[in-house]
Amino acid sequence: MLITALAETGVEAARAVMIGDTTYDMQMAHSAGIPFIGVSWGYHAPEALTGARAMVTDAAELPAAIDRVIGN
């Protein structure tokens, strides 16, 4: 799904980010070569999201986390 989204938008994996709340989201991002940002609310405990490049506890933190992860 993520590879299709990249192809349809023309965005490189290094310039994209997957935001999710499950280990499945994290694995999907890893498989597509896309950095993953975990959120502390949702289905899986934050401690399970060990592959996250960043973790946020509030949606307001997402813009800064995205900038840090993709290097803006």
N, C-alpha and C. Protein backbone atom coordinates (compact mmCIF):
# COMPACT_ATOMS: atom_id res chain seq x y z
N MET A 1 0.82 -1.19 0.00
CA MET A 1 0.00 0.00 0.00
C MET A 1 0.87 1.26 0.00
N LEU A 2 1.92 1.27 0.83
CA LEU A 2 2.77 2.47 0.87
C LEU A 2 3.57 2.65 -0.41
N ILE A 3 4.04 1.55 -0.98
CA ILE A 3 4.79 1.65 -2.24
C ILE A 3 3.90 2.20 -3.34
N THR A 4 2.65 1.77 -3.36
CA THR A 4 1.68 2.30 -4.33
C THR A 4 1.46 3.79 -4.11
N ALA A 5 1.32 4.20 -2.86
CA ALA A 5 1.13 5.62 -2.55
C ALA A 5 2.32 6.45 -3.01
N LEU A 6 3.53 5.93 -2.80
CA LEU A 6 4.72 6.64 -3.27
C LEU A 6 4.72 6.76 -4.79
N ALA A 7 4.41 5.67 -5.46
CA ALA A 7 4.40 5.68 -6.92
C ALA A 7 3.35 6.65 -7.47
N GLU A 8 2.19 6.66 -6.86
CA GLU A 8 1.11 7.52 -7.34
C GLU A 8 1.39 9.00 -7.09
N THR A 9 2.13 9.31 -6.04
CA THR A 9 2.41 10.71 -5.71
C THR A 9 3.75 11.19 -6.22
N GLY A 10 4.62 10.26 -6.58
CA GLY A 10 5.95 10.64 -7.04
C GLY A 10 6.88 11.06 -5.91
N VAL A 11 6.54 10.74 -4.68
CA VAL A 11 7.35 11.09 -3.51
C VAL A 11 8.35 9.97 -3.25
N GLU A 12 9.60 10.34 -2.97
CA GLU A 12 10.62 9.35 -2.62
C GLU A 12 10.40 8.87 -1.19
N ALA A 13 10.74 7.62 -0.92
CA ALA A 13 10.55 7.05 0.41
C ALA A 13 11.25 7.88 1.49
N ALA A 14 12.40 8.43 1.18
CA ALA A 14 13.15 9.23 2.16
C ALA A 14 12.44 10.54 2.51
N ARG A 15 11.51 10.96 1.68
CA ARG A 15 10.77 12.22 1.91
C ARG A 15 9.36 11.95 2.42
N ALA A 16 9.07 10.69 2.70
CA ALA A 16 7.75 10.31 3.21
C ALA A 16 7.89 9.85 4.65
N VAL A 17 6.78 9.73 5.33
CA VAL A 17 6.77 9.21 6.70
C VAL A 17 5.45 8.48 6.91
N MET A 18 5.53 7.39 7.64
CA MET A 18 4.34 6.65 8.05
C MET A 18 4.09 6.95 9.50
N ILE A 19 2.87 7.33 9.82
CA ILE A 19 2.48 7.60 11.20
C ILE A 19 1.49 6.53 11.59
N GLY A 20 1.76 5.86 12.70
CA GLY A 20 0.86 4.79 13.08
C GLY A 20 0.91 4.45 14.55
N ASP A 21 0.01 3.51 14.90
CA ASP A 21 -0.13 3.14 16.31
C ASP A 21 0.00 1.64 16.55
N THR A 22 0.43 0.90 15.53
CA THR A 22 0.56 -0.55 15.69
C THR A 22 1.90 -1.03 15.15
N THR A 23 2.28 -2.22 15.59
CA THR A 23 3.49 -2.83 15.06
C THR A 23 3.29 -3.18 13.58
N TYR A 24 2.06 -3.39 13.16
CA TYR A 24 1.78 -3.66 11.74
C TYR A 24 2.10 -2.43 10.89
N ASP A 25 1.72 -1.25 11.39
CA ASP A 25 2.06 -0.01 10.69
C ASP A 25 3.58 0.14 10.59
N MET A 26 4.26 -0.16 11.70
CA MET A 26 5.71 -0.04 11.75
C MET A 26 6.36 -0.99 10.75
N GLN A 27 5.89 -2.24 10.69
CA GLN A 27 6.44 -3.22 9.76
C GLN A 27 6.18 -2.83 8.31
N MET A 28 5.00 -2.27 8.04
CA MET A 28 4.68 -1.84 6.68
C MET A 28 5.62 -0.72 6.26
N ALA A 29 5.87 0.23 7.14
CA ALA A 29 6.79 1.32 6.82
C ALA A 29 8.19 0.78 6.57
N HIS A 30 8.65 -0.10 7.44
CA HIS A 30 9.98 -0.68 7.29
C HIS A 30 10.11 -1.41 5.94
N SER A 31 9.11 -2.19 5.58
CA SER A 31 9.14 -2.93 4.32
C SER A 31 9.21 -2.01 3.10
N ALA A 32 8.61 -0.83 3.22
CA ALA A 32 8.61 0.13 2.12
C ALA A 32 9.80 1.08 2.17
N GLY A 33 10.63 0.99 3.21
CA GLY A 33 11.77 1.88 3.33
C GLY A 33 11.39 3.29 3.74
N ILE A 34 10.28 3.41 4.45
CA ILE A 34 9.76 4.71 4.87
C ILE A 34 9.95 4.86 6.38
N PRO A 35 10.46 6.00 6.83
CA PRO A 35 10.58 6.22 8.28
C PRO A 35 9.21 6.15 8.96
N PHE A 36 9.22 5.68 10.20
CA PHE A 36 7.98 5.48 10.95
C PHE A 36 7.97 6.36 12.19
N ILE A 37 6.85 7.05 12.41
CA ILE A 37 6.61 7.81 13.63
C ILE A 37 5.47 7.12 14.36
N GLY A 38 5.73 6.75 15.61
CA GLY A 38 4.70 6.11 16.42
C GLY A 38 3.92 7.12 17.22
N VAL A 39 2.67 6.79 17.47
CA VAL A 39 1.84 7.62 18.34
C VAL A 39 1.49 6.81 19.57
N SER A 40 1.41 7.47 20.70
CA SER A 40 1.23 6.77 21.97
C SER A 40 -0.21 6.36 22.23
N TRP A 41 -1.14 6.88 21.46
CA TRP A 41 -2.54 6.49 21.61
C TRP A 41 -2.86 5.48 20.51
N GLY A 42 -3.68 4.54 20.80
CA GLY A 42 -4.05 3.57 19.78
C GLY A 42 -4.03 2.15 20.28
N TYR A 43 -3.86 1.22 19.36
CA TYR A 43 -4.04 -0.19 19.67
C TYR A 43 -2.85 -0.87 20.34
N HIS A 44 -1.63 -0.50 19.98
CA HIS A 44 -0.46 -1.16 20.58
C HIS A 44 0.23 -0.19 21.53
N ALA A 45 0.79 -0.75 22.60
CA ALA A 45 1.50 0.08 23.57
C ALA A 45 2.70 0.75 22.92
N PRO A 46 3.01 1.97 23.31
CA PRO A 46 4.16 2.67 22.74
C PRO A 46 5.46 1.87 22.84
N GLU A 47 5.61 1.10 23.92
CA GLU A 47 6.82 0.31 24.12
C GLU A 47 6.99 -0.76 23.03
N ALA A 48 5.90 -1.14 22.37
CA ALA A 48 5.97 -2.15 21.31
C ALA A 48 6.48 -1.57 20.00
N LEU A 49 6.48 -0.25 19.88
CA LEU A 49 6.86 0.41 18.63
C LEU A 49 8.35 0.74 18.65
N THR A 50 9.16 -0.27 18.82
CA THR A 50 10.60 -0.10 19.01
C THR A 50 11.32 0.40 17.77
N GLY A 51 10.73 0.26 16.61
CA GLY A 51 11.36 0.71 15.38
C GLY A 51 11.00 2.13 14.98
N ALA A 52 10.27 2.83 15.83
CA ALA A 52 9.86 4.19 15.50
C ALA A 52 11.06 5.14 15.53
N ARG A 53 11.14 6.01 14.53
CA ARG A 53 12.18 7.04 14.51
C ARG A 53 11.85 8.16 15.48
N ALA A 54 10.57 8.28 15.83
CA ALA A 54 10.10 9.26 16.82
C ALA A 54 8.80 8.74 17.40
N MET A 55 8.51 9.15 18.62
CA MET A 55 7.24 8.84 19.27
C MET A 55 6.62 10.15 19.71
N VAL A 56 5.33 10.28 19.51
CA VAL A 56 4.62 11.48 19.95
C VAL A 56 3.47 11.08 20.86
N THR A 57 3.15 11.98 21.76
CA THR A 57 2.06 11.72 22.70
C THR A 57 0.85 12.60 22.43
N ASP A 58 0.97 13.51 21.48
CA ASP A 58 -0.10 14.45 21.16
C ASP A 58 -0.01 14.78 19.68
N ALA A 59 -1.14 14.88 19.02
CA ALA A 59 -1.16 15.19 17.59
C ALA A 59 -0.45 16.51 17.27
N ALA A 60 -0.47 17.44 18.20
CA ALA A 60 0.19 18.73 17.98
C ALA A 60 1.70 18.58 17.82
N GLU A 61 2.25 17.46 18.29
CA GLU A 61 3.69 17.22 18.18
C GLU A 61 4.10 16.68 16.80
N LEU A 62 3.13 16.28 15.99
CA LEU A 62 3.46 15.63 14.72
C LEU A 62 4.24 16.50 13.75
N PRO A 63 3.88 17.77 13.51
CA PRO A 63 4.66 18.54 12.53
C PRO A 63 6.15 18.61 12.86
N ALA A 64 6.49 18.85 14.12
CA ALA A 64 7.91 18.92 14.50
C ALA A 64 8.58 17.55 14.37
N ALA A 65 7.87 16.49 14.72
CA ALA A 65 8.44 15.15 14.59
C ALA A 65 8.70 14.81 13.13
N ILE A 66 7.78 15.17 12.27
CA ILE A 66 7.96 14.92 10.83
C ILE A 66 9.19 15.68 10.33
N ASP A 67 9.33 16.93 10.71
CA ASP A 67 10.49 17.72 10.30
C ASP A 67 11.79 17.08 10.77
N ARG A 68 11.82 16.59 12.02
CA ARG A 68 13.03 15.94 12.54
C ARG A 68 13.35 14.67 11.77
N VAL A 69 12.33 13.88 11.49
CA VAL A 69 12.54 12.57 10.87
C VAL A 69 12.97 12.68 9.40
N ILE A 70 12.36 13.59 8.66
CA ILE A 70 12.71 13.69 7.24
C ILE A 70 13.72 14.79 6.96
N GLY A 71 14.16 15.47 8.01
CA GLY A 71 15.28 16.40 7.87
C GLY A 71 14.96 17.75 7.25
N ASN A 72 13.81 18.29 7.57
CA ASN A 72 13.48 19.65 7.06
C ASN A 72 14.14 20.69 7.91
